[in-house]
Amino acid sequence: MVIIYYFVDHKKKKIHQRQFAGDRCDFVETPVEKREFTDQVEYVQQLKNKDLYEMCKYCQQAQSISS
């Protein structure tokens, strides 16, 4: 079984896949107390469905480094 770890940005209501989160995700300004890490899929679904959080479009796969 593969466990996906999520990084939740409560300030911007974005859910990131922790392994792919990077600079393009724009969470640098989010205070530490507004950040959360979880592996609970049900919790992530609740945030999306009830609290209108969105999945980050930038961390669905590895980000490439452009020069």
Protein backbone atom coordinates (compact mmCIF):
# COMPACT_ATOMS: atom_id res chain seq x y z
CA MET A 1 0.00 0.00 0.00
CA VAL A 2 1.32 3.44 -0.97
CA ILE A 3 0.84 6.19 1.60
CA ILE A 4 0.53 9.72 0.26
CA TYR A 5 1.51 12.48 2.61
CA TYR A 6 -0.20 15.82 2.31
CA PHE A 7 0.83 19.30 3.31
CA VAL A 8 -2.21 21.46 4.06
CA ASP A 9 -1.93 25.24 3.75
CA HIS A 10 -4.82 26.54 5.87
CA LYS A 11 -4.08 30.17 4.98
CA LYS A 12 -4.60 29.68 1.24
CA LYS A 13 -6.85 26.59 1.49
CA LYS A 14 -4.52 24.51 -0.67
CA ILE A 15 -3.61 20.85 -0.32
CA HIS A 16 -0.19 19.81 -1.56
CA GLN A 17 1.31 16.40 -2.13
CA ARG A 18 4.25 16.73 0.22
CA GLN A 19 6.72 14.80 -1.92
CA PHE A 20 6.18 17.15 -4.89
CA ALA A 21 5.64 20.50 -3.13
CA GLY A 22 8.07 23.17 -4.23
CA ASP A 23 8.64 26.84 -4.95
CA ARG A 24 5.85 27.10 -7.53
CA CYS A 25 3.27 26.10 -4.89
CA ASP A 26 3.65 29.51 -3.21
CA PHE A 27 3.30 28.52 0.44
CA VAL A 28 6.47 30.23 1.68
CA GLU A 29 4.56 33.12 3.26
CA THR A 30 2.13 30.85 5.12
CA PRO A 31 2.92 30.96 8.86
CA VAL A 32 3.98 27.68 10.47
CA GLU A 33 0.86 27.64 12.65
CA LYS A 34 -1.28 27.60 9.48
CA ARG A 35 0.55 24.54 8.05
CA GLU A 36 -0.36 20.93 8.69
CA PHE A 37 0.98 17.56 7.57
CA THR A 38 -1.28 14.51 7.28
CA ASP A 39 -1.61 11.14 5.61
CA GLN A 40 -5.37 10.92 6.29
CA VAL A 41 -7.16 10.70 2.93
CA GLU A 42 -10.58 11.05 4.56
CA TYR A 43 -9.52 14.29 6.24
CA VAL A 44 -8.20 15.67 2.94
CA GLN A 45 -11.49 14.75 1.23
CA GLN A 46 -13.41 16.53 4.00
CA LEU A 47 -11.35 19.68 3.53
CA LYS A 48 -12.04 19.57 -0.21
CA ASN A 49 -15.76 18.81 0.02
CA LYS A 50 -16.89 20.72 3.09
CA ASP A 51 -14.35 23.50 3.47
CA LEU A 52 -13.67 24.13 -0.25
CA TYR A 53 -9.93 23.51 -0.15
CA GLU A 54 -8.27 22.90 -3.53
CA MET A 55 -5.55 20.54 -4.60
CA CYS A 56 -2.44 22.45 -5.67
CA LYS A 57 -2.05 22.25 -9.44
CA TYR A 58 1.74 22.42 -9.19
CA CYS A 59 2.50 19.42 -7.00
CA GLN A 60 0.71 16.59 -8.76
CA GLN A 61 4.08 15.43 -10.10
CA ALA A 62 7.76 16.28 -9.64
CA GLN A 63 8.61 19.86 -10.54
CA SER A 64 11.39 20.39 -13.03
CA ILE A 65 14.11 22.93 -12.54
CA SER A 66 14.25 25.45 -15.35
CA SER A 67 17.20 27.70 -15.98
